[in-house]
Amino acid sequence: MLRSTTILFLVVLLSLLPVQHVAATGSGISKEQATELAVQSYPGRVLNVKTEQQNYRIRVLQRDGRVVTLVVDGRTGRVTRDDR
């Protein structure tokens, strides 16, 4: 019983390490993660990615030929379309 409790504790502890790293560095999601989130919401080919303060601005060429500009919040990962 003690051994399984110890193993469970270690698994939980190790699963928290990435979360602690994000909190310690003050950064949220990476550029690569932001790009993946954008393509999941708006499938297509990524044309470029720009970092702007806490956000990422990503341009995606969709299959129908339209280019959309997306803003991914660097802290939450929320994807919104930029209709400027």
PDB file of N, CA and C in Angstrom:
ATOM      1  N   MET A   1       0.822  -1.191   0.000  1.00  0.00           N
ATOM      2  CA  MET A   1       0.000   0.000   0.000  1.00  0.00           C
ATOM      3  C   MET A   1       0.867   1.258   0.000  1.00  0.00           C
ATOM      4  N   LEU A   2       1.902   1.261   0.796  1.00  0.00           N
ATOM      5  CA  LEU A   2       2.766   2.425   0.876  1.00  0.00           C
ATOM      6  C   LEU A   2       3.454   2.687  -0.461  1.00  0.00           C
ATOM      7  N   ARG A   3       3.869   1.626  -1.136  1.00  0.00           N
ATOM      8  CA  ARG A   3       4.559   1.781  -2.414  1.00  0.00           C
ATOM      9  C   ARG A   3       3.637   2.418  -3.461  1.00  0.00           C
ATOM     10  N   SER A   4       2.378   1.973  -3.562  1.00  0.00           N
ATOM     11  CA  SER A   4       1.454   2.552  -4.547  1.00  0.00           C
ATOM     12  C   SER A   4       1.133   4.004  -4.208  1.00  0.00           C
ATOM     13  N   THR A   5       1.071   4.335  -2.936  1.00  0.00           N
ATOM     14  CA  THR A   5       0.834   5.725  -2.529  1.00  0.00           C
ATOM     15  C   THR A   5       2.021   6.592  -2.920  1.00  0.00           C
ATOM     16  N   THR A   6       3.219   6.088  -2.733  1.00  0.00           N
ATOM     17  CA  THR A   6       4.425   6.829  -3.101  1.00  0.00           C
ATOM     18  C   THR A   6       4.478   7.055  -4.611  1.00  0.00           C
ATOM     19  N   ILE A   7       4.159   6.037  -5.369  1.00  0.00           N
ATOM     20  CA  ILE A   7       4.165   6.162  -6.829  1.00  0.00           C
ATOM     21  C   ILE A   7       3.117   7.171  -7.282  1.00  0.00           C
ATOM     22  N   LEU A   8       1.935   7.106  -6.706  1.00  0.00           N
ATOM     23  CA  LEU A   8       0.884   8.059  -7.050  1.00  0.00           C
ATOM     24  C   LEU A   8       1.318   9.481  -6.736  1.00  0.00           C
ATOM     25  N   PHE A   9       1.956   9.675  -5.587  1.00  0.00           N
ATOM     26  CA  PHE A   9       2.441  10.995  -5.200  1.00  0.00           C
ATOM     27  C   PHE A   9       3.460  11.508  -6.214  1.00  0.00           C
ATOM     28  N   LEU A  10       4.383  10.662  -6.633  1.00  0.00           N
ATOM     29  CA  LEU A  10       5.395  11.068  -7.601  1.00  0.00           C
ATOM     30  C   LEU A  10       4.775  11.425  -8.954  1.00  0.00           C
ATOM     31  N   VAL A  11       3.789  10.662  -9.385  1.00  0.00           N
ATOM     32  CA  VAL A  11       3.116  10.950 -10.654  1.00  0.00           C
ATOM     33  C   VAL A  11       2.447  12.323 -10.594  1.00  0.00           C
ATOM     34  N   VAL A  12       1.750  12.584  -9.509  1.00  0.00           N
ATOM     35  CA  VAL A  12       1.081  13.880  -9.349  1.00  0.00           C
ATOM     36  C   VAL A  12       2.112  14.993  -9.305  1.00  0.00           C
ATOM     37  N   LEU A  13       3.179  14.810  -8.575  1.00  0.00           N
ATOM     38  CA  LEU A  13       4.228  15.820  -8.463  1.00  0.00           C
ATOM     39  C   LEU A  13       4.852  16.114  -9.825  1.00  0.00           C
ATOM     40  N   LEU A  14       5.165  15.089 -10.587  1.00  0.00           N
ATOM     41  CA  LEU A  14       5.771  15.270 -11.904  1.00  0.00           C
ATOM     42  C   LEU A  14       4.811  15.927 -12.884  1.00  0.00           C
ATOM     43  N   SER A  15       3.535  15.663 -12.749  1.00  0.00           N
ATOM     44  CA  SER A  15       2.572  16.276 -13.666  1.00  0.00           C
ATOM     45  C   SER A  15       2.440  17.776 -13.432  1.00  0.00           C
ATOM     46  N   LEU A  16       2.827  18.243 -12.275  1.00  0.00           N
ATOM     47  CA  LEU A  16       2.733  19.669 -11.969  1.00  0.00           C
ATOM     48  C   LEU A  16       3.943  20.469 -12.432  1.00  0.00           C
ATOM     49  N   LEU A  17       5.021  19.817 -12.782  1.00  0.00           N
ATOM     50  CA  LEU A  17       6.239  20.528 -13.153  1.00  0.00           C
ATOM     51  C   LEU A  17       6.054  21.501 -14.309  1.00  0.00           C
ATOM     52  N   PRO A  18       5.439  21.130 -15.437  1.00  0.00           N
ATOM     53  CA  PRO A  18       5.259  22.104 -16.514  1.00  0.00           C
ATOM     54  C   PRO A  18       4.428  23.313 -16.083  1.00  0.00           C
ATOM     55  N   VAL A  19       3.425  23.112 -15.254  1.00  0.00           N
ATOM     56  CA  VAL A  19       2.591  24.209 -14.788  1.00  0.00           C
ATOM     57  C   VAL A  19       3.418  25.161 -13.947  1.00  0.00           C
ATOM     58  N   GLN A  20       4.279  24.634 -13.091  1.00  0.00           N
ATOM     59  CA  GLN A  20       5.124  25.479 -12.270  1.00  0.00           C
ATOM     60  C   GLN A  20       6.096  26.256 -13.146  1.00  0.00           C
ATOM     61  N   HIS A  21       6.619  25.642 -14.191  1.00  0.00           N
ATOM     62  CA  HIS A  21       7.543  26.322 -15.095  1.00  0.00           C
ATOM     63  C   HIS A  21       6.860  27.496 -15.770  1.00  0.00           C
ATOM     64  N   VAL A  22       5.652  27.306 -16.249  1.00  0.00           N
ATOM     65  CA  VAL A  22       4.915  28.386 -16.904  1.00  0.00           C
ATOM     66  C   VAL A  22       4.674  29.522 -15.922  1.00  0.00           C
ATOM     67  N   ALA A  23       4.268  29.197 -14.715  1.00  0.00           N
ATOM     68  CA  ALA A  23       4.000  30.222 -13.716  1.00  0.00           C
ATOM     69  C   ALA A  23       5.279  30.956 -13.330  1.00  0.00           C
ATOM     70  N   ALA A  24       6.381  30.243 -13.224  1.00  0.00           N
ATOM     71  CA  ALA A  24       7.638  30.852 -12.808  1.00  0.00           C
ATOM     72  C   ALA A  24       8.207  31.768 -13.877  1.00  0.00           C
ATOM     73  N   THR A  25       8.068  31.413 -15.139  1.00  0.00           N
ATOM     74  CA  THR A  25       8.631  32.226 -16.203  1.00  0.00           C
ATOM     75  C   THR A  25       7.722  33.380 -16.579  1.00  0.00           C
ATOM     76  N   GLY A  26       6.457  33.314 -16.188  1.00  0.00           N
ATOM     77  CA  GLY A  26       5.532  34.379 -16.531  1.00  0.00           C
ATOM     78  C   GLY A  26       5.001  34.266 -17.952  1.00  0.00           C
ATOM     79  N   SER A  27       5.457  33.269 -18.677  1.00  0.00           N
ATOM     80  CA  SER A  27       4.978  33.101 -20.044  1.00  0.00           C
ATOM     81  C   SER A  27       3.851  32.096 -20.060  1.00  0.00           C
ATOM     82  N   GLY A  28       3.012  32.223 -21.041  1.00  0.00           N
ATOM     83  CA  GLY A  28       1.901  31.292 -21.178  1.00  0.00           C
ATOM     84  C   GLY A  28       2.234  30.248 -22.203  1.00  0.00           C
ATOM     85  N   ILE A  29       1.603  30.367 -23.350  1.00  0.00           N
ATOM     86  CA  ILE A  29       1.810  29.374 -24.401  1.00  0.00           C
ATOM     87  C   ILE A  29       2.935  29.811 -25.329  1.00  0.00           C
ATOM     88  N   SER A  30       3.556  28.844 -25.956  1.00  0.00           N
ATOM     89  CA  SER A  30       4.660  29.132 -26.866  1.00  0.00           C
ATOM     90  C   SER A  30       4.129  29.540 -28.243  1.00  0.00           C
ATOM     91  N   LYS A  31       5.021  30.003 -29.060  1.00  0.00           N
ATOM     92  CA  LYS A  31       4.685  30.369 -30.435  1.00  0.00           C
ATOM     93  C   LYS A  31       4.158  29.152 -31.198  1.00  0.00           C
ATOM     94  N   GLU A  32       4.775  28.010 -30.972  1.00  0.00           N
ATOM     95  CA  GLU A  32       4.361  26.782 -31.644  1.00  0.00           C
ATOM     96  C   GLU A  32       2.969  26.351 -31.181  1.00  0.00           C
ATOM     97  N   GLN A  33       2.710  26.464 -29.889  1.00  0.00           N
ATOM     98  CA  GLN A  33       1.390  26.110 -29.368  1.00  0.00           C
ATOM     99  C   GLN A  33       0.328  27.061 -29.918  1.00  0.00           C
ATOM    100  N   ALA A  34       0.646  28.347 -29.994  1.00  0.00           N
ATOM    101  CA  ALA A  34      -0.297  29.328 -30.535  1.00  0.00           C
ATOM    102  C   ALA A  34      -0.618  29.016 -31.993  1.00  0.00           C
ATOM    103  N   THR A  35       0.397  28.642 -32.749  1.00  0.00           N
ATOM    104  CA  THR A  35       0.198  28.289 -34.160  1.00  0.00           C
ATOM    105  C   THR A  35      -0.712  27.077 -34.285  1.00  0.00           C
ATOM    106  N   GLU A  36      -0.496  26.073 -33.460  1.00  0.00           N
ATOM    107  CA  GLU A  36      -1.326  24.863 -33.493  1.00  0.00           C
ATOM    108  C   GLU A  36      -2.777  25.192 -33.134  1.00  0.00           C
ATOM    109  N   LEU A  37      -2.983  26.019 -32.139  1.00  0.00           N
ATOM    110  CA  LEU A  37      -4.342  26.413 -31.749  1.00  0.00           C
ATOM    111  C   LEU A  37      -5.040  27.164 -32.881  1.00  0.00           C
ATOM    112  N   ALA A  38      -4.304  28.032 -33.556  1.00  0.00           N
ATOM    113  CA  ALA A  38      -4.878  28.792 -34.665  1.00  0.00           C
ATOM    114  C   ALA A  38      -5.308  27.872 -35.805  1.00  0.00           C
ATOM    115  N   VAL A  39      -4.468  26.912 -36.155  1.00  0.00           N
ATOM    116  CA  VAL A  39      -4.763  26.005 -37.263  1.00  0.00           C
ATOM    117  C   VAL A  39      -5.892  25.043 -36.897  1.00  0.00           C
ATOM    118  N   GLN A  40      -6.020  24.705 -35.630  1.00  0.00           N
ATOM    119  CA  GLN A  40      -7.144  23.870 -35.203  1.00  0.00           C
ATOM    120  C   GLN A  40      -8.458  24.612 -35.399  1.00  0.00           C
ATOM    121  N   SER A  41      -8.461  25.912 -35.148  1.00  0.00           N
ATOM    122  CA  SER A  41      -9.681  26.709 -35.291  1.00  0.00           C
ATOM    123  C   SER A  41      -9.952  27.108 -36.737  1.00  0.00           C
ATOM    124  N   TYR A  42      -8.902  27.388 -37.491  1.00  0.00           N
ATOM    125  CA  TYR A  42      -9.009  27.827 -38.881  1.00  0.00           C
ATOM    126  C   TYR A  42      -7.995  27.040 -39.714  1.00  0.00           C
ATOM    127  N   PRO A  43      -8.381  25.863 -40.193  1.00  0.00           N
ATOM    128  CA  PRO A  43      -7.441  25.017 -40.945  1.00  0.00           C
ATOM    129  C   PRO A  43      -6.885  25.718 -42.177  1.00  0.00           C
ATOM    130  N   GLY A  44      -5.619  25.469 -42.439  1.00  0.00           N
ATOM    131  CA  GLY A  44      -4.955  26.035 -43.604  1.00  0.00           C
ATOM    132  C   GLY A  44      -3.452  26.055 -43.400  1.00  0.00           C
ATOM    133  N   ARG A  45      -2.788  26.814 -44.267  1.00  0.00           N
ATOM    134  CA  ARG A  45      -1.325  26.911 -44.223  1.00  0.00           C
ATOM    135  C   ARG A  45      -0.936  28.212 -43.549  1.00  0.00           C
ATOM    136  N   VAL A  46      -0.074  28.131 -42.568  1.00  0.00           N
ATOM    137  CA  VAL A  46       0.368  29.317 -41.831  1.00  0.00           C
ATOM    138  C   VAL A  46       1.328  30.106 -42.710  1.00  0.00           C
ATOM    139  N   LEU A  47       1.005  31.383 -42.902  1.00  0.00           N
ATOM    140  CA  LEU A  47       1.855  32.257 -43.713  1.00  0.00           C
ATOM    141  C   LEU A  47       2.904  32.955 -42.866  1.00  0.00           C
ATOM    142  N   ASN A  48       2.502  33.463 -41.693  1.00  0.00           N
ATOM    143  CA  ASN A  48       3.472  34.059 -40.781  1.00  0.00           C
ATOM    144  C   ASN A  48       2.908  34.162 -39.370  1.00  0.00           C
ATOM    145  N   VAL A  49       3.827  34.315 -38.435  1.00  0.00           N
ATOM    146  CA  VAL A  49       3.467  34.437 -37.023  1.00  0.00           C
ATOM    147  C   VAL A  49       4.278  35.597 -36.458  1.00  0.00           C
ATOM    148  N   LYS A  50       3.590  36.534 -35.827  1.00  0.00           N
ATOM    149  CA  LYS A  50       4.256  37.664 -35.191  1.00  0.00           C
ATOM    150  C   LYS A  50       3.898  37.693 -33.713  1.00  0.00           C
ATOM    151  N   THR A  51       4.887  38.011 -32.906  1.00  0.00           N
ATOM    152  CA  THR A  51       4.654  38.163 -31.478  1.00  0.00           C
ATOM    153  C   THR A  51       4.407  39.634 -31.192  1.00  0.00           C
ATOM    154  N   GLU A  52       3.280  39.909 -30.529  1.00  0.00           N
ATOM    155  CA  GLU A  52       2.927  41.282 -30.177  1.00  0.00           C
ATOM    156  C   GLU A  52       2.550  41.324 -28.703  1.00  0.00           C
ATOM    157  N   GLN A  53       3.421  41.851 -27.886  1.00  0.00           N
ATOM    158  CA  GLN A  53       3.224  41.916 -26.437  1.00  0.00           C
ATOM    159  C   GLN A  53       2.881  40.537 -25.898  1.00  0.00           C
ATOM    160  N   GLN A  54       1.687  40.330 -25.394  1.00  0.00           N
ATOM    161  CA  GLN A  54       1.281  39.051 -24.802  1.00  0.00           C
ATOM    162  C   GLN A  54       0.564  38.157 -25.808  1.00  0.00           C
ATOM    163  N   ASN A  55       0.458  38.582 -27.058  1.00  0.00           N
ATOM    164  CA  ASN A  55      -0.336  37.859 -28.054  1.00  0.00           C
ATOM    165  C   ASN A  55       0.508  37.452 -29.252  1.00  0.00           C
ATOM    166  N   TYR A  56      -0.075  36.559 -30.040  1.00  0.00           N
ATOM    167  CA  TYR A  56       0.516  36.154 -31.314  1.00  0.00           C
ATOM    168  C   TYR A  56      -0.472  36.503 -32.420  1.00  0.00           C
ATOM    169  N   ARG A  57       0.010  37.126 -33.480  1.00  0.00           N
ATOM    170  CA  ARG A  57      -0.811  37.434 -34.652  1.00  0.00           C
ATOM    171  C   ARG A  57      -0.390  36.453 -35.743  1.00  0.00           C
ATOM    172  N   ILE A  58      -1.344  35.656 -36.201  1.00  0.00           N
ATOM    173  CA  ILE A  58      -1.049  34.562 -37.125  1.00  0.00           C
ATOM    174  C   ILE A  58      -1.906  34.708 -38.380  1.00  0.00           C
ATOM    175  N   ARG A  59      -1.250  34.669 -39.533  1.00  0.00           N
ATOM    176  CA  ARG A  59      -1.974  34.728 -40.814  1.00  0.00           C
ATOM    177  C   ARG A  59      -2.016  33.324 -41.400  1.00  0.00           C
ATOM    178  N   VAL A  60      -3.242  32.918 -41.785  1.00  0.00           N
ATOM    179  CA  VAL A  60      -3.461  31.561 -42.295  1.00  0.00           C
ATOM    180  C   VAL A  60      -4.128  31.644 -43.661  1.00  0.00           C
ATOM    181  N   LEU A  61      -3.561  30.923 -44.633  1.00  0.00           N
ATOM    182  CA  LEU A  61      -4.164  30.791 -45.954  1.00  0.00           C
ATOM    183  C   LEU A  61      -5.076  29.575 -45.907  1.00  0.00           C
ATOM    184  N   GLN A  62      -6.375  29.807 -46.038  1.00  0.00           N
ATOM    185  CA  GLN A  62      -7.334  28.705 -45.972  1.00  0.00           C
ATOM    186  C   GLN A  62      -7.458  28.026 -47.331  1.00  0.00           C
ATOM    187  N   ARG A  63      -8.073  26.860 -47.309  1.00  0.00           N
ATOM    188  CA  ARG A  63      -8.182  26.050 -48.533  1.00  0.00           C
ATOM    189  C   ARG A  63      -8.944  26.748 -49.644  1.00  0.00           C
ATOM    190  N   ASP A  64      -9.879  27.627 -49.284  1.00  0.00           N
ATOM    191  CA  ASP A  64     -10.665  28.328 -50.302  1.00  0.00           C
ATOM    192  C   ASP A  64      -9.946  29.564 -50.846  1.00  0.00           C
ATOM    193  N   GLY A  65      -8.694  29.792 -50.421  1.00  0.00           N
ATOM    194  CA  GLY A  65      -7.899  30.902 -50.935  1.00  0.00           C
ATOM    195  C   GLY A  65      -7.962  32.169 -50.093  1.00  0.00           C
ATOM    196  N   ARG A  66      -8.832  32.197 -49.105  1.00  0.00           N
ATOM    197  CA  ARG A  66      -8.909  33.376 -48.233  1.00  0.00           C
ATOM    198  C   ARG A  66      -7.774  33.367 -47.221  1.00  0.00           C
ATOM    199  N   VAL A  67      -7.301  34.557 -46.898  1.00  0.00           N
ATOM    200  CA  VAL A  67      -6.295  34.713 -45.856  1.00  0.00           C
ATOM    201  C   VAL A  67      -6.984  35.322 -44.646  1.00  0.00           C
ATOM    202  N   VAL A  68      -6.851  34.664 -43.497  1.00  0.00           N
ATOM    203  CA  VAL A  68      -7.428  35.190 -42.260  1.00  0.00           C
ATOM    204  C   VAL A  68      -6.298  35.527 -41.301  1.00  0.00           C
ATOM    205  N   THR A  69      -6.508  36.599 -40.555  1.00  0.00           N
ATOM    206  CA  THR A  69      -5.571  36.996 -39.513  1.00  0.00           C
ATOM    207  C   THR A  69      -6.205  36.666 -38.180  1.00  0.00           C
ATOM    208  N   LEU A  70      -5.465  35.940 -37.370  1.00  0.00           N
ATOM    209  CA  LEU A  70      -5.968  35.493 -36.076  1.00  0.00           C
ATOM    210  C   LEU A  70      -5.091  36.057 -34.971  1.00  0.00           C
ATOM    211  N   VAL A  71      -5.700  36.287 -33.828  1.00  0.00           N
ATOM    212  CA  VAL A  71      -4.957  36.705 -32.647  1.00  0.00           C
ATOM    213  C   VAL A  71      -5.128  35.616 -31.606  1.00  0.00           C
ATOM    214  N   VAL A  72      -3.997  35.099 -31.119  1.00  0.00           N
ATOM    215  CA  VAL A  72      -4.018  34.076 -30.077  1.00  0.00           C
ATOM    216  C   VAL A  72      -3.479  34.715 -28.804  1.00  0.00           C
ATOM    217  N   ASP A  73      -4.289  34.691 -27.764  1.00  0.00           N
ATOM    218  CA  ASP A  73      -3.883  35.237 -26.480  1.00  0.00           C
ATOM    219  C   ASP A  73      -2.748  34.381 -25.925  1.00  0.00           C
ATOM    220  N   GLY A  74      -1.631  34.995 -25.644  1.00  0.00           N
ATOM    221  CA  GLY A  74      -0.449  34.283 -25.189  1.00  0.00           C
ATOM    222  C   GLY A  74      -0.562  33.708 -23.795  1.00  0.00           C
ATOM    223  N   ARG A  75      -1.552  34.125 -23.043  1.00  0.00           N
ATOM    224  CA  ARG A  75      -1.749  33.589 -21.692  1.00  0.00           C
ATOM    225  C   ARG A  75      -2.796  32.491 -21.664  1.00  0.00           C
ATOM    226  N   THR A  76      -3.911  32.702 -22.372  1.00  0.00           N
ATOM    227  CA  THR A  76      -5.036  31.764 -22.290  1.00  0.00           C
ATOM    228  C   THR A  76      -5.131  30.824 -23.477  1.00  0.00           C
ATOM    229  N   GLY A  77      -4.555  31.199 -24.626  1.00  0.00           N
ATOM    230  CA  GLY A  77      -4.670  30.390 -25.828  1.00  0.00           C
ATOM    231  C   GLY A  77      -5.945  30.647 -26.607  1.00  0.00           C
ATOM    232  N   ARG A  78      -6.715  31.637 -26.191  1.00  0.00           N
ATOM    233  CA  ARG A  78      -7.970  31.948 -26.879  1.00  0.00           C
ATOM    234  C   ARG A  78      -7.677  32.488 -28.282  1.00  0.00           C
ATOM    235  N   VAL A  79      -8.364  31.923 -29.269  1.00  0.00           N
ATOM    236  CA  VAL A  79      -8.170  32.320 -30.663  1.00  0.00           C
ATOM    237  C   VAL A  79      -9.334  33.204 -31.092  1.00  0.00           C
ATOM    238  N   THR A  80      -8.999  34.388 -31.612  1.00  0.00           N
ATOM    239  CA  THR A  80     -10.016  35.276 -32.156  1.00  0.00           C
ATOM    240  C   THR A  80      -9.585  35.738 -33.534  1.00  0.00           C
ATOM    241  N   ARG A  81     -10.554  36.033 -34.347  1.00  0.00           N
ATOM    242  CA  ARG A  81     -10.280  36.517 -35.692  1.00  0.00           C
ATOM    243  C   ARG A  81     -10.105  38.020 -35.647  1.00  0.00           C
ATOM    244  N   ASP A  82      -9.076  38.522 -36.310  1.00  0.00           N
ATOM    245  CA  ASP A  82      -8.805  39.955 -36.371  1.00  0.00           C
ATOM    246  C   ASP A  82      -9.394  40.480 -37.674  1.00  0.00           C
ATOM    247  N   ASP A  83     -10.473  41.227 -37.568  1.00  0.00           N
ATOM    248  CA  ASP A  83     -11.160  41.725 -38.767  1.00  0.00           C
ATOM    249  C   ASP A  83     -10.848  43.190 -39.053  1.00  0.00           C
ATOM    250  N   ARG A  84      -9.650  43.610 -38.787  1.00  0.00           N
ATOM    251  CA  ARG A  84      -9.283  45.001 -39.073  1.00  0.00           C
ATOM    252  C   ARG A  84      -9.331  45.297 -40.539  1.00  0.00           C
TER     253      ARG A  84
END
